[in-house]
Protein backbone atom coordinates (compact mmCIF):
# COMPACT_ATOMS: atom_id res chain seq x y z
CA UNK A 1 32.63 -3.57 -96.14
CA UNK A 2 32.39 -0.87 -93.48
CA UNK A 3 30.59 2.45 -93.87
CA UNK A 4 32.25 5.85 -93.61
CA UNK A 5 30.59 6.49 -90.25
CA UNK A 6 31.84 3.16 -88.91
CA UNK A 7 35.34 4.22 -89.91
CA UNK A 8 35.09 7.63 -88.25
CA UNK A 9 37.28 8.55 -85.30
CA UNK A 10 34.23 9.55 -83.22
CA UNK A 11 32.49 6.21 -83.69
CA UNK A 12 35.63 4.26 -82.85
CA UNK A 13 36.20 6.46 -79.81
CA UNK A 14 32.64 5.82 -78.62
CA UNK A 15 32.89 2.05 -79.06
CA UNK A 16 36.23 1.93 -77.25
CA UNK A 17 35.35 4.25 -74.36
CA UNK A 18 31.67 3.56 -73.62
CA UNK A 19 31.05 -0.10 -72.75
CA UNK A 20 28.05 -2.02 -74.05
CA UNK A 21 26.16 -3.70 -71.22
CA UNK A 22 23.56 -6.43 -71.57
CA UNK A 23 20.81 -6.16 -68.96
CA UNK A 24 18.48 -9.13 -68.57
CA UNK A 25 15.20 -8.02 -66.98
CA UNK A 26 12.83 -10.81 -67.99
CA UNK A 27 12.37 -14.09 -66.12
CA UNK A 28 12.73 -16.19 -69.25
CA UNK A 29 16.14 -17.82 -69.55
CA UNK A 30 15.85 -17.37 -73.31
CA UNK A 31 15.80 -13.57 -73.17
CA UNK A 32 19.03 -12.10 -74.60
CA UNK A 33 18.56 -8.92 -72.59
CA UNK A 34 18.59 -5.21 -73.34
CA UNK A 35 21.75 -3.75 -74.89
CA UNK A 36 22.59 -0.46 -73.21
CA UNK A 37 25.21 2.24 -73.58
CA UNK A 38 25.48 4.62 -70.63
CA UNK A 39 27.36 7.84 -71.28
CA UNK A 40 27.96 10.78 -68.93
CA UNK A 41 27.94 11.44 -65.15
CA UNK A 42 26.49 8.43 -63.36
CA UNK A 43 24.99 10.28 -60.41
CA UNK A 44 22.35 11.86 -62.67
CA UNK A 45 19.11 10.02 -61.89
CA UNK A 46 16.86 11.38 -64.67
CA UNK A 47 18.89 10.84 -67.84
CA UNK A 48 17.90 11.09 -71.47
CA UNK A 49 17.31 7.63 -72.95
CA UNK A 50 17.48 7.02 -76.71
CA UNK A 51 15.21 4.43 -78.34
CA UNK A 52 16.13 3.34 -81.89
CA UNK A 53 13.93 2.75 -84.96
CA UNK A 54 13.32 -0.66 -86.54
CA UNK A 55 16.67 -0.67 -88.31
CA UNK A 56 18.75 0.75 -85.49
CA UNK A 57 21.11 -0.66 -82.88
CA UNK A 58 21.97 1.02 -79.59
CA UNK A 59 25.12 2.66 -80.96
CA UNK A 60 23.42 4.70 -83.73
CA UNK A 61 23.06 7.64 -81.32
CA UNK A 62 26.77 7.69 -80.53
CA UNK A 63 27.42 11.21 -81.79
CA UNK A 64 24.52 12.76 -79.87
CA UNK A 65 25.58 10.88 -76.74
CA UNK A 66 29.16 12.11 -77.02
CA UNK A 67 28.07 15.68 -77.79
CA UNK A 68 25.70 15.82 -74.83
CA UNK A 69 28.02 14.07 -72.37
CA UNK A 70 30.69 16.68 -73.11
CA UNK A 71 28.15 19.28 -72.03
CA UNK A 72 27.41 17.47 -68.77
CA UNK A 73 24.37 15.38 -69.70
CA UNK A 74 23.85 11.73 -68.87
CA UNK A 75 22.43 9.74 -71.77
CA UNK A 76 21.66 6.08 -72.33
CA UNK A 77 20.78 4.24 -75.50
CA UNK A 78 18.65 1.11 -75.06
CA UNK A 79 18.20 -1.60 -77.69
CA UNK A 80 15.48 -4.03 -76.69
CA UNK A 81 15.42 -7.81 -77.13
CA UNK A 82 12.60 -9.37 -79.18
CA UNK A 83 9.15 -8.44 -77.89
CA UNK A 84 6.04 -9.33 -79.89
CA UNK A 85 3.49 -7.20 -78.04
CA UNK A 86 3.69 -3.51 -77.18
CA UNK A 87 2.53 -4.15 -73.61
CA UNK A 88 5.38 -6.65 -73.16
CA UNK A 89 7.86 -4.05 -74.41
CA UNK A 90 6.47 -1.49 -71.97
CA UNK A 91 6.78 -3.95 -69.09
CA UNK A 92 10.33 -4.81 -70.11
CA UNK A 93 11.30 -1.14 -70.31
CA UNK A 94 9.76 -0.48 -66.90
CA UNK A 95 11.92 -3.27 -65.48
CA UNK A 96 14.97 -1.74 -67.17
CA UNK A 97 14.29 1.60 -65.46
CA UNK A 98 13.82 -0.23 -62.16
CA UNK A 99 17.16 -2.00 -62.69
CA UNK A 100 18.88 1.39 -62.94
CA UNK A 101 16.69 2.80 -60.14
CA UNK A 102 15.45 5.59 -62.40
CA UNK A 103 12.21 7.05 -61.09
CA UNK A 104 11.56 9.32 -64.08
CA UNK A 105 13.42 9.82 -67.36
CA UNK A 106 13.48 11.84 -70.56
CA UNK A 107 12.96 9.82 -73.76
CA UNK A 108 14.20 10.39 -77.30
CA UNK A 109 12.43 8.08 -79.71
CA UNK A 110 13.13 7.71 -83.43
CA UNK A 111 10.26 6.35 -85.58
CA UNK A 112 9.29 3.05 -83.84
CA UNK A 113 11.30 4.19 -80.82
CA UNK A 114 9.15 7.32 -80.68
CA UNK A 115 5.94 5.30 -80.85
CA UNK A 116 7.12 3.01 -78.04
CA UNK A 117 8.19 6.01 -75.96
CA UNK A 118 4.68 7.43 -76.28
CA UNK A 119 3.09 4.09 -75.42
CA UNK A 120 5.25 3.79 -72.30
CA UNK A 121 4.20 7.26 -71.19
CA UNK A 122 0.59 6.31 -72.01
CA UNK A 123 0.61 3.05 -70.03
CA UNK A 124 2.34 4.60 -66.99
CA UNK A 125 0.27 7.78 -66.81
CA UNK A 126 -1.21 6.85 -63.41
CA UNK A 127 2.31 6.55 -62.01
CA UNK A 128 4.35 8.70 -64.40
CA UNK A 129 7.84 7.53 -65.34
CA UNK A 130 8.36 9.91 -68.28
CA UNK A 131 9.28 13.56 -67.74
CA UNK A 132 9.57 14.56 -71.37
CA UNK A 133 9.46 13.20 -74.91
CA UNK A 134 11.57 14.12 -77.93
CA UNK A 135 10.03 12.41 -80.96
CA UNK A 136 11.99 12.21 -84.21
CA UNK A 137 10.19 11.29 -87.47
CA UNK A 138 7.67 9.34 -85.44
CA UNK A 139 3.97 8.39 -85.39
CA UNK A 140 1.21 7.68 -82.86
CA UNK A 141 -0.89 5.09 -84.71
CA UNK A 142 0.49 1.93 -86.37
CA UNK A 143 -2.38 1.79 -88.86
CA UNK A 144 -0.38 4.12 -91.13
CA UNK A 145 1.66 1.08 -92.22
CA UNK A 146 -1.32 -1.02 -93.42
CA UNK A 147 0.25 -4.32 -92.34
CA UNK A 148 -2.05 -5.28 -89.47
CA UNK A 149 -3.56 -8.29 -91.29
CA UNK A 150 -0.20 -9.81 -92.23
CA UNK A 151 2.17 -8.72 -89.45
CA UNK A 152 1.62 -11.95 -87.50
CA UNK A 153 3.49 -13.67 -90.34
CA UNK A 154 6.67 -11.61 -89.86
CA UNK A 155 7.87 -14.17 -87.33
CA UNK A 156 8.17 -16.77 -90.10
CA UNK A 157 9.70 -14.66 -92.87
CA UNK A 158 13.43 -14.94 -93.68
CA UNK A 159 15.76 -12.06 -92.85
CA UNK A 160 16.32 -11.08 -96.47
CA UNK A 161 12.62 -10.35 -97.00
CA UNK A 162 12.28 -8.50 -93.70
CA UNK A 163 15.29 -6.34 -94.49
CA UNK A 164 13.85 -5.43 -97.88
CA UNK A 165 10.65 -4.37 -96.16
CA UNK A 166 12.65 -1.98 -93.98
CA UNK A 167 14.94 -0.60 -96.69
CA UNK A 168 12.31 -0.39 -99.42
CA UNK A 169 11.41 3.20 -98.54
CA UNK A 170 15.01 4.41 -98.38
CA UNK A 171 16.42 6.28 -101.40
CA UNK A 172 19.12 4.46 -103.33
CA UNK A 173 21.14 7.61 -103.92
CA UNK A 174 21.25 10.99 -102.22
CA UNK A 175 23.34 13.97 -103.28
CA UNK A 176 23.67 15.08 -99.67
CA UNK A 177 26.81 13.30 -98.46
CA UNK A 178 25.78 13.27 -94.80
CA UNK A 179 22.34 11.84 -95.56
CA UNK A 180 23.89 9.26 -97.88
CA UNK A 181 26.35 8.24 -95.15
CA UNK A 182 23.56 7.97 -92.59
CA UNK A 183 21.59 5.60 -94.84
CA UNK A 184 24.70 3.54 -95.52
CA UNK A 185 25.40 3.26 -91.80
CA UNK A 186 21.83 2.29 -90.92
CA UNK A 187 21.72 -0.38 -93.61
CA UNK A 188 24.88 -1.86 -92.09
CA UNK A 189 23.25 -1.82 -88.67
CA UNK A 190 20.16 -3.53 -90.08
CA UNK A 191 22.37 -6.24 -91.57
CA UNK A 192 23.80 -6.92 -88.12
CA UNK A 193 20.41 -7.73 -86.59
CA UNK A 194 19.08 -11.24 -86.13
CA UNK A 195 15.89 -12.38 -87.88
CA UNK A 196 13.99 -12.38 -84.57
CA UNK A 197 15.06 -8.80 -83.85
CA UNK A 198 13.78 -7.49 -87.19
CA UNK A 199 10.61 -9.59 -87.18
CA UNK A 200 9.64 -8.55 -83.66
CA UNK A 201 10.31 -4.88 -84.34
CA UNK A 202 8.27 -4.92 -87.51
CA UNK A 203 5.48 -6.63 -85.57
CA UNK A 204 5.52 -3.89 -82.92
CA UNK A 205 5.65 -1.33 -85.72
CA UNK A 206 2.62 -2.71 -87.59
CA UNK A 207 0.34 -4.57 -85.16
CA UNK A 208 -2.77 -2.45 -84.64
CA UNK A 209 -2.15 -0.06 -81.78
CA UNK A 210 -2.35 3.63 -81.05
CA UNK A 211 -1.40 6.10 -78.34
CA UNK A 212 -4.00 7.76 -76.14
CA UNK A 213 -2.58 11.24 -76.61
CA UNK A 214 -4.95 12.76 -74.02
CA UNK A 215 -2.84 11.11 -71.34
CA UNK A 216 0.34 12.81 -72.53
CA UNK A 217 -0.77 16.44 -72.73
CA UNK A 218 0.93 17.32 -69.43
CA UNK A 219 4.32 16.03 -70.64
CA UNK A 220 6.87 18.35 -72.26
CA UNK A 221 7.10 17.19 -75.88
CA UNK A 222 9.27 18.25 -78.79
CA UNK A 223 8.49 17.00 -82.30
CA UNK A 224 11.42 16.82 -84.70
CA UNK A 225 10.82 16.31 -88.39
CA UNK A 226 12.41 17.25 -91.68
CA UNK A 227 11.21 19.10 -94.77
CA UNK A 228 12.88 16.74 -97.22
CA UNK A 229 11.81 13.21 -98.11
CA UNK A 230 11.69 10.49 -95.49
CA UNK A 231 9.80 7.24 -94.97
CA UNK A 232 6.68 8.64 -93.28
CA UNK A 233 4.25 10.88 -95.13
CA UNK A 234 3.54 14.54 -94.52
CA UNK A 235 0.06 13.52 -93.34
CA UNK A 236 1.55 11.37 -90.55
CA UNK A 237 3.75 14.29 -89.52
CA UNK A 238 0.82 16.71 -89.37
CA UNK A 239 -1.41 14.22 -87.54
CA UNK A 240 1.19 13.84 -84.80
CA UNK A 241 1.37 17.63 -84.52
CA UNK A 242 -2.41 17.80 -84.12
CA UNK A 243 -2.26 15.19 -81.35
CA UNK A 244 0.09 17.40 -79.32
CA UNK A 245 -0.96 21.04 -79.83
CA UNK A 246 1.29 22.23 -76.98
CA UNK A 247 4.41 20.50 -78.32
CA UNK A 248 7.45 22.43 -79.46
CA UNK A 249 8.51 21.99 -83.08
CA UNK A 250 12.10 21.30 -84.14
CA UNK A 251 11.88 21.23 -87.92
CA UNK A 252 15.01 20.79 -90.02
CA UNK A 253 15.26 21.91 -93.63
CA UNK A 254 16.83 18.56 -94.46
CA UNK A 255 18.12 15.45 -92.75
CA UNK A 256 16.33 12.49 -94.27
CA UNK A 257 15.21 9.50 -92.23
CA UNK A 258 18.07 9.67 -89.73
CA UNK A 259 18.79 13.33 -88.81
CA UNK A 260 20.45 12.21 -85.57
CA UNK A 261 23.24 10.91 -87.84
CA UNK A 262 23.12 13.38 -90.74
CA UNK A 263 22.45 16.57 -88.72
CA UNK A 264 23.94 15.80 -85.33
CA UNK A 265 24.86 19.39 -84.44
CA UNK A 266 21.30 20.59 -85.11
CA UNK A 267 19.85 17.68 -83.13
CA UNK A 268 22.22 18.34 -80.24
CA UNK A 269 21.12 21.97 -80.10
CA UNK A 270 17.42 21.09 -80.18
CA UNK A 271 17.92 18.51 -77.43
CA UNK A 272 19.64 21.09 -75.25
CA UNK A 273 16.73 23.48 -75.79
CA UNK A 274 14.29 20.69 -74.97
CA UNK A 275 16.08 19.73 -71.74
CA UNK A 276 16.93 23.26 -70.55
CA UNK A 277 13.67 23.88 -68.60
CA UNK A 278 14.53 20.96 -66.30
CA UNK A 279 18.04 22.10 -65.35
CA UNK A 280 16.98 23.66 -62.04
CA UNK A 281 14.70 20.81 -61.06
CA UNK A 282 15.21 17.36 -59.45
CA UNK A 283 14.73 15.90 -62.93
CA UNK A 284 17.64 17.54 -64.67
CA UNK A 285 19.54 15.34 -67.12
CA UNK A 286 22.55 17.62 -66.75
CA UNK A 287 25.17 17.89 -64.07
CA UNK A 288 25.39 21.14 -62.13
CA UNK A 289 28.78 22.85 -61.96
CA UNK A 290 32.06 21.99 -63.63
CA UNK A 291 31.79 18.20 -63.59
CA UNK A 292 31.54 17.70 -67.34
CA UNK A 293 32.83 14.77 -69.37
CA UNK A 294 32.20 11.30 -70.64
CA UNK A 295 32.30 8.47 -68.14
CA UNK A 296 31.58 4.80 -68.47
């Protein structure tokens, strides 16, 4: 059974017009590679790259990618293969940027994607590869999940248990139609993932690790969160704000766990505001002039 978002004209247009590419960057012959959508003018060398949460696939950002590409931005969405250590993920992502010959990029990270975006900026601070960060419902310290002692067992758990761990914090019903549809869509995406994908993501999400925020203070950061209920606590939200006192805030009255699906117009606007200061620099994610449109 498909979700309402899967049946939408915009989603079908995205899937038919923007090709999914699989990029293998690791030496292991067993690596399935990164799954990447690349949307917008290809000559842009500092694009915005979306990184999904535990439950997400690369296509969950389709609406933001279409919205921004129509305004002249180049965006990519990158879904990583199984990595079991954060440092391995960071090395794999570095190789992905090298594959595309991107010197520096803007990163949008949702939940786990936001944590990994911060860690990549942290680990590359001596040779910066990240121009800016847009963090959505994210965190900087995995200890908030209290799974460090047991996360090494995720590798052996069946998919059904892992999926319940991910969906356990999601509301069963929501009177907001857009939020309800976003949950429905994300659950479908979670169902499409392999056991190794979910287990490795949960391991990255829960294995003890934290960001050295002092190394990121020079980076332009926007923190997006919502006032209504979502998986992370208010304390986690406020702690992240304290870590980045210079960060801009993009707070939505509502939007749930996945505002990039339930409040796409608001997210698009906040992303434009976030990226605007770079438009007259070598690191602009937007084309200059009239060359606007979606290209594959």
